[in-house]
Protein backbone atom coordinates (compact mmCIF):
# COMPACT_ATOMS: atom_id res chain seq x y z
CA VAL A 1 161.75 30.87 189.74
CA ASN A 2 164.89 31.61 187.75
CA ALA A 3 165.60 28.06 187.60
CA ARG A 4 161.75 27.48 185.59
CA LYS A 5 162.68 30.24 183.46
CA ALA A 6 166.11 29.42 182.32
CA VAL A 7 166.16 27.50 178.45
CA ASP A 8 167.81 23.93 178.25
CA PRO A 9 170.38 24.54 175.46
CA ASP A 10 169.25 21.23 173.91
CA ALA A 11 165.42 22.22 173.56
CA ARG A 12 167.05 25.83 171.97
CA ALA A 13 169.50 23.76 169.90
CA LEU A 14 166.54 21.52 168.34
CA ALA A 15 164.52 24.76 167.67
CA LEU A 16 167.22 27.04 165.74
CA LEU A 17 167.46 23.25 163.88
CA HIS A 18 163.86 23.17 162.90
CA ARG A 19 164.05 26.98 161.95
CA LEU A 20 167.41 26.18 159.71
CA THR A 21 165.12 23.17 158.10
CA HIS A 22 162.28 25.50 157.61
CA ALA A 23 164.42 28.14 155.67
CA TYR A 24 166.56 25.87 153.64
CA THR A 25 163.38 24.41 152.59
CA HIS A 26 161.83 27.30 151.61
CA LYS A 27 165.00 28.66 150.12
CA TRP A 28 164.89 31.78 152.06
CA GLU A 29 168.65 32.04 152.17
CA SER A 30 168.99 35.43 154.80
CA ALA A 31 167.17 33.74 157.43
CA ALA A 32 169.13 30.56 156.83
CA SER A 33 172.65 32.59 156.72
CA ARG A 34 170.98 34.28 160.57
CA VAL A 35 170.44 30.72 162.03
CA CYS A 36 173.81 29.32 161.23
CA TRP A 37 175.21 32.20 162.96
CA GLU A 38 172.79 31.91 166.06
CA ILE A 39 173.63 27.92 166.29
CA ALA A 40 177.19 29.14 166.15
CA CYS A 41 176.80 31.04 169.22
CA LEU A 42 175.07 28.49 171.06
CA ASP A 43 177.04 26.81 173.86
CA GLY A 44 176.10 24.17 176.57
CA VAL A 45 174.67 21.67 174.33
CA THR A 46 175.13 17.68 173.89
CA GLN A 47 177.65 16.31 171.97
CA HIS A 48 174.88 14.23 170.05
CA VAL A 49 172.78 17.43 169.38
CA ARG A 50 176.02 19.57 168.29
CA GLU A 51 176.72 16.50 165.79
CA GLN A 52 173.41 17.25 164.17
CA LEU A 53 173.76 20.72 164.37
CA ASP A 54 177.31 20.91 162.61
CA THR A 55 175.78 18.58 160.09
CA ALA A 56 172.96 20.98 159.14
CA VAL A 57 175.01 24.20 159.33
CA GLU A 58 177.30 22.49 156.64
CA GLU A 59 175.02 21.47 154.46
CA THR A 60 173.27 24.59 154.65
CA ARG A 61 176.46 26.78 154.26
CA GLY A 62 177.18 24.85 151.09
CA TRP A 63 174.00 25.41 149.76
CA LEU A 64 174.29 29.34 150.83
CA GLU A 65 177.78 29.31 148.49
CA GLU A 66 176.05 27.64 145.69
CA LYS A 67 173.55 30.45 146.01
CA ALA A 68 176.39 32.98 146.43
CA LYS A 69 178.03 32.10 143.30
CA LEU A 70 175.00 31.72 141.39
CA ARG A 71 174.17 35.33 142.66
CA ARG A 72 177.38 36.60 141.46
CA GLU A 73 177.22 35.27 138.07
CA LEU A 74 173.86 36.80 137.70
CA PHE A 75 174.72 40.35 138.39
CA SER A 76 178.06 39.82 136.22
CA GLN A 77 176.04 38.40 133.51
CA MET A 78 173.67 41.51 133.49
CA ASP A 79 176.67 44.27 133.79
CA GLN A 80 177.73 42.71 130.50
CA ALA A 81 174.26 42.60 129.01
CA VAL A 82 174.46 46.38 130.07
CA THR A 83 177.52 47.17 128.26
CA GLU A 84 176.46 45.57 125.25
CA GLN A 85 173.27 46.96 125.29
CA ASP A 86 171.19 43.69 125.10
CA THR A 87 167.96 44.56 126.14
CA ALA A 88 166.47 41.12 126.25
CA ARG A 89 169.00 39.89 128.15
CA VAL A 90 168.93 42.74 130.49
CA ARG A 91 165.12 42.49 131.08
CA GLU A 92 165.20 38.97 131.59
CA LEU A 93 168.58 38.81 134.30
CA LEU A 94 166.84 41.56 136.16
CA GLY A 95 163.39 39.92 136.56
CA SER A 96 165.43 36.93 137.90
CA ILE A 97 167.58 38.74 139.92
CA ASN A 98 164.59 40.75 141.60
CA THR A 99 163.24 37.23 142.02
CA THR A 100 165.89 35.46 143.91
CA ALA A 101 168.39 38.34 144.84
CA ALA A 102 165.78 41.25 146.15
CA ASP A 103 167.59 41.09 149.96
CA ASP A 104 171.06 42.15 151.23
CA ARG A 105 172.46 43.26 148.21
CA THR A 106 175.84 45.11 148.50
CA LYS A 107 176.59 47.95 147.17
CA GLU A 108 178.17 46.44 143.89
CA GLU A 109 174.83 44.47 143.46
CA MET A 110 172.79 47.60 143.95
CA ALA A 111 174.92 49.58 141.48
CA VAL A 112 174.75 47.17 138.89
CA ALA A 113 170.66 46.87 139.08
CA GLY A 114 170.44 50.64 139.18
CA ARG A 115 172.48 50.29 135.88
CA ALA A 116 170.31 47.97 134.57
CA ALA A 117 166.81 49.53 135.64
CA GLU A 118 168.25 52.93 134.20
CA TYR A 119 168.98 51.64 130.91
CA LEU A 120 166.12 49.75 130.37
CA ALA A 121 164.01 53.09 131.30
CA VAL A 122 166.09 54.94 128.40
CA ASN A 123 165.44 51.91 126.27
CA THR A 124 162.00 51.92 126.94
CA ALA A 125 161.47 55.45 125.97
CA ARG A 126 163.55 55.37 122.82
CA ALA A 127 161.60 52.31 121.57
CA THR A 128 158.01 54.34 122.59
CA GLN A 129 159.18 57.34 120.32
CA GLU A 130 160.37 55.06 117.56
CA ARG A 131 156.74 53.45 117.75
CA ILE A 132 155.59 56.54 117.43
CA ALA A 133 157.39 57.81 114.44
CA ALA A 134 156.76 54.15 112.72
CA GLN A 135 153.17 54.71 113.29
CA GLY A 136 153.45 58.48 111.79
CA ALA A 137 155.18 57.15 108.90
CA ALA A 138 153.00 54.66 108.27
CA GLU A 139 150.00 56.91 108.05
CA ARG A 140 152.19 59.12 105.52
CA ALA A 141 152.29 56.35 103.58
CA ALA A 142 148.54 54.96 103.61
CA ALA A 143 147.79 58.60 102.97
CA HIS A 144 150.04 58.63 100.05
CA ALA A 145 148.93 55.10 99.14
CA PHE A 146 145.37 56.46 99.10
CA SER A 147 146.39 59.35 96.92
CA ARG A 148 147.70 57.30 94.48
CA VAL A 149 144.91 54.93 94.59
CA GLY A 150 142.43 57.71 93.29
CA LYS A 151 144.96 59.12 90.56
CA ILE A 152 145.04 55.49 89.08
CA LEU A 153 141.76 55.19 88.91
CA ASN A 154 140.77 58.57 87.49
CA ASN A 155 143.67 57.76 84.78
CA LEU A 156 142.18 54.31 84.12
CA ARG A 157 138.49 56.00 83.69
CA ARG A 158 140.11 58.69 81.53
CA GLY A 159 141.82 56.32 79.52
CA LYS A 160 145.26 57.71 80.47
CA TYR A 161 147.01 54.52 80.15
CA GLU A 162 149.18 52.26 78.23
CA ASP A 163 149.45 49.13 79.91
CA LEU A 164 146.59 48.10 82.02
CA GLY A 165 148.83 45.26 83.43
CA SER A 166 151.09 47.57 85.39
CA GLN A 167 148.38 49.98 86.56
CA ILE A 168 146.92 46.79 87.81
CA GLU A 169 149.89 45.89 89.60
CA ALA A 170 150.29 49.59 90.62
CA LEU A 171 146.59 49.83 91.87
CA ASP A 172 147.04 46.58 94.06
CA ARG A 173 150.02 47.53 95.51
CA PHE A 174 149.01 51.14 96.60
CA ALA A 175 145.51 49.72 97.84
CA GLU A 176 147.30 47.32 99.95
CA ILE A 177 149.26 50.20 101.96
CA ALA A 178 146.49 52.15 102.23
CA GLY A 179 144.26 49.77 103.67
CA ASN A 180 140.95 50.88 105.80
CA ARG A 181 141.31 54.29 104.30
CA LEU A 182 139.56 52.95 100.92
CA THR A 183 135.97 53.57 100.66
CA ILE A 184 133.19 50.49 99.35
CA HIS A 185 133.83 53.13 96.56
CA HIS A 186 137.45 52.74 95.80
CA ILE A 187 137.28 48.68 96.44
CA ARG A 188 134.17 48.60 93.41
CA GLN A 189 136.37 50.54 91.03
CA ILE A 190 139.40 48.25 91.77
CA LYS A 191 137.52 44.90 91.50
CA HIS A 192 135.76 46.37 88.28
CA TRP A 193 139.25 47.15 86.58
CA LYS A 194 140.67 43.74 87.76
CA GLN A 195 137.79 41.85 86.60
CA LYS A 196 138.04 43.95 82.72
CA TYR A 197 141.87 43.18 83.07
CA SER A 198 141.39 39.37 83.55
CA ASP A 199 138.37 39.36 80.79
CA GLY A 200 140.23 41.30 77.83
CA PRO A 201 142.80 42.84 76.25
CA SER A 202 144.45 45.84 77.74
CA ASP A 203 143.66 48.59 75.26
CA PRO A 204 142.88 52.13 76.69
CA VAL A 205 139.36 52.73 75.81
CA GLU A 206 137.47 55.90 76.40
CA PRO A 207 134.57 55.55 78.72
CA SER A 208 131.21 54.99 77.17
CA ASN A 209 129.66 58.50 76.70
CA LYS A 210 126.91 57.99 73.96
CA GLY A 211 125.81 61.35 74.52
CA ALA A 212 129.14 63.24 74.57
CA ALA A 213 128.90 63.59 70.68
CA THR A 214 125.74 64.98 70.21
CA ARG A 215 126.35 67.50 73.08
CA GLN A 216 129.55 68.83 71.95
CA ARG A 217 128.02 69.44 68.39
CA GLY A 218 125.13 71.24 70.73
CA ILE A 219 122.07 68.66 69.86
CA PRO A 220 119.96 68.73 72.79
CA SER A 221 120.47 65.71 75.15
CA SER A 222 119.02 62.10 75.14
CA PRO A 223 115.20 62.33 75.57
CA VAL A 224 115.93 60.06 78.44
CA ASP A 225 117.54 63.36 80.63
CA LYS A 226 114.09 64.31 79.85
CA GLN A 227 111.94 61.58 81.43
CA VAL A 228 114.15 61.42 84.67
CA PRO A 229 114.15 64.50 86.86
CA LEU A 230 117.51 65.25 88.51
CA HIS A 231 116.69 64.30 91.97
CA ARG A 232 116.21 60.82 90.72
CA TRP A 233 119.47 59.80 88.94
CA ILE A 234 121.83 62.36 90.94
CA ASN A 235 121.41 59.67 93.84
CA ARG A 236 123.15 56.99 91.66
CA ASP A 237 126.75 55.75 90.78
CA CYS A 238 127.52 56.62 87.22
CA PRO A 239 128.40 52.96 85.44
CA SER A 240 129.86 54.65 82.92
CA CYS A 241 132.22 57.26 84.29
CA PHE A 242 132.11 56.15 87.92
CA ALA A 243 130.62 59.05 89.29
CA ASP A 244 129.88 59.20 92.74
CA ALA A 245 126.28 59.72 94.06
CA GLY A 246 125.77 63.25 94.47
CA ARG A 247 127.70 64.29 91.79
CA GLU A 248 127.40 64.90 88.23
CA CYS A 249 129.05 62.80 85.56
CA ILE A 250 132.37 63.77 83.85
CA GLU A 251 133.19 63.84 79.87
CA ARG A 252 135.79 64.95 77.78
CA ASP A 253 135.42 68.00 75.82
CA GLY A 254 136.51 69.13 72.56
CA GLN A 255 140.28 70.04 73.64
CA GLY A 256 140.25 66.57 75.34
CA VAL A 257 140.31 67.97 79.01
CA TRP A 258 137.39 66.08 81.37
CA ARG A 259 134.78 68.29 82.81
CA ARG A 260 131.88 67.95 84.85
CA THR A 261 128.74 68.17 82.39
CA PRO A 262 125.18 68.65 83.86
CA PHE A 263 124.21 65.97 81.15
CA PRO A 264 124.29 62.26 82.68
CA HIS A 265 124.77 59.17 81.00
CA ASP A 266 122.44 57.02 79.54
CA GLU A 267 123.64 54.11 81.46
CA ARG A 268 122.88 56.42 84.67
CA LEU A 269 119.69 57.28 83.56
CA GLN A 270 117.98 53.80 82.55
CA PRO A 271 117.55 52.25 85.64
CA THR A 272 115.56 54.81 86.69
CA ALA A 273 113.95 55.58 83.37
CA GLU A 274 112.49 51.88 83.44
CA GLU A 275 111.47 52.30 87.11
CA ARG A 276 109.23 55.48 86.17
CA ARG A 277 107.71 53.45 83.10
CA ALA A 278 107.10 50.71 85.15
CA ARG A 279 104.88 52.68 87.61
CA VAL A 280 103.44 54.84 84.75
CA THR A 281 102.07 52.00 82.80
CA PRO A 282 99.30 50.26 84.84
CA SER A 283 97.85 53.98 85.20
CA LYS A 284 97.99 54.83 81.27
CA GLN A 285 96.29 51.14 80.92
CA VAL A 286 93.49 51.89 83.24
CA THR A 287 92.85 55.55 81.43
CA GLN A 288 92.87 53.54 78.35
CA GLU A 289 90.04 50.98 79.60
CA THR A 290 88.17 53.84 80.77
CA ARG A 291 88.00 55.44 77.41
CA THR A 292 87.32 52.88 75.92
CA LYS A 293 83.66 52.03 77.85
CA GLN A 294 82.83 55.87 77.46
CA GLU A 295 83.40 55.52 73.88
CA ALA A 296 81.15 52.45 73.54
CA THR A 297 78.60 53.78 75.58
CA SER A 298 78.45 57.15 73.90
CA ASN A 299 77.80 55.33 70.31
CA GLU A 300 75.06 53.21 72.16
CA ARG A 301 72.65 55.65 73.51
CA PRO A 302 72.06 57.85 69.78
CA VAL A 303 71.15 54.16 68.72
CA ARG A 304 68.45 53.75 71.18
CA GLY A 305 67.20 57.29 70.61
CA ARG A 306 66.92 56.74 66.74
CA GLN A 307 64.59 53.81 67.54
CA ARG A 308 62.19 55.18 69.86
CA SER A 309 61.63 58.34 66.93
CA LYS A 310 60.92 55.55 64.62
CA ARG A 311 58.28 53.73 66.74
CA LYS A 312 56.65 57.16 67.51
CA ARG A 313 56.52 57.71 63.26
CA MET A 314 55.16 54.49 63.20
CA ASP A 315 52.10 54.59 65.55
CA ARG A 316 51.57 57.85 64.15
CA ASP A 317 51.02 56.61 60.80
CA THR A 318 49.30 53.82 61.93
CA LYS A 319 46.64 55.80 64.24
CA PRO A 320 42.98 55.97 62.54
CA THR A 321 41.79 59.15 61.05
CA PRO A 322 38.34 60.35 62.67
CA PRO A 323 35.30 60.58 60.08
CA ALA A 324 34.50 63.58 58.70
CA SER A 325 31.16 65.23 60.21
């Protein structure tokens, strides 16, 4: 029974040789090193099998030595990268070491890997803080640029500028920084002033305000103001002073200060007044036609009455007189 359980040394040697080949093929350094140690402790094999084992062990040890040299270089390079604070290099080397040298690390190798991991953690936290700070700075810059865009547009609308070209250049610069903070109304105004700069001279022009002078002298507003109710024109943007919908128009008072006025500009009222006239005109035409028909009818009725009276008089005159008794 003991004889049957005993394993032939050559058979065991061939099994170890198969395991060594498998470890070498899959680049398992720790497994290959362990099999080499087991082969060195194996006794009782034939000369032919021993030669095969020696050849395989020699090749495997050469490969293990190359891997060990490469491993030492990787840890040395990573230690240097940590010292130089080369974050990208540390991250690259740590990934390679975790892939190729994750097992059987020495104390020195574990210490180097620990310093690299700690350095990356600290650097990542610092980078996160810097990114948050940069985002905050960008938000503040965008808010400042948005405010500057509003001020420049306000000055352009009020004619408070000397060189339109420089104002348009600053407007473009701040608008790019403001980004998506700009509303459709801002974008439309910027487009208007850029088109105005490309079309004509850059002299300051007072905002169009046809009724301002008369209103400053106390003269009543334009008749169009009385034709259009407030709830009609207040819902439109003013093309003259660029007042937003829902806000009153602005104009300069006698002291040169821009103030809001309850009287809208004619350009803001004109579209609403035209729509109102378009709705009123057909009904007036119908009323006029009806009135004409009524007058014609009233003129015909007296004529027919006079004709009947005339016929009655003629019949009475031609009626024979009865003889006297």
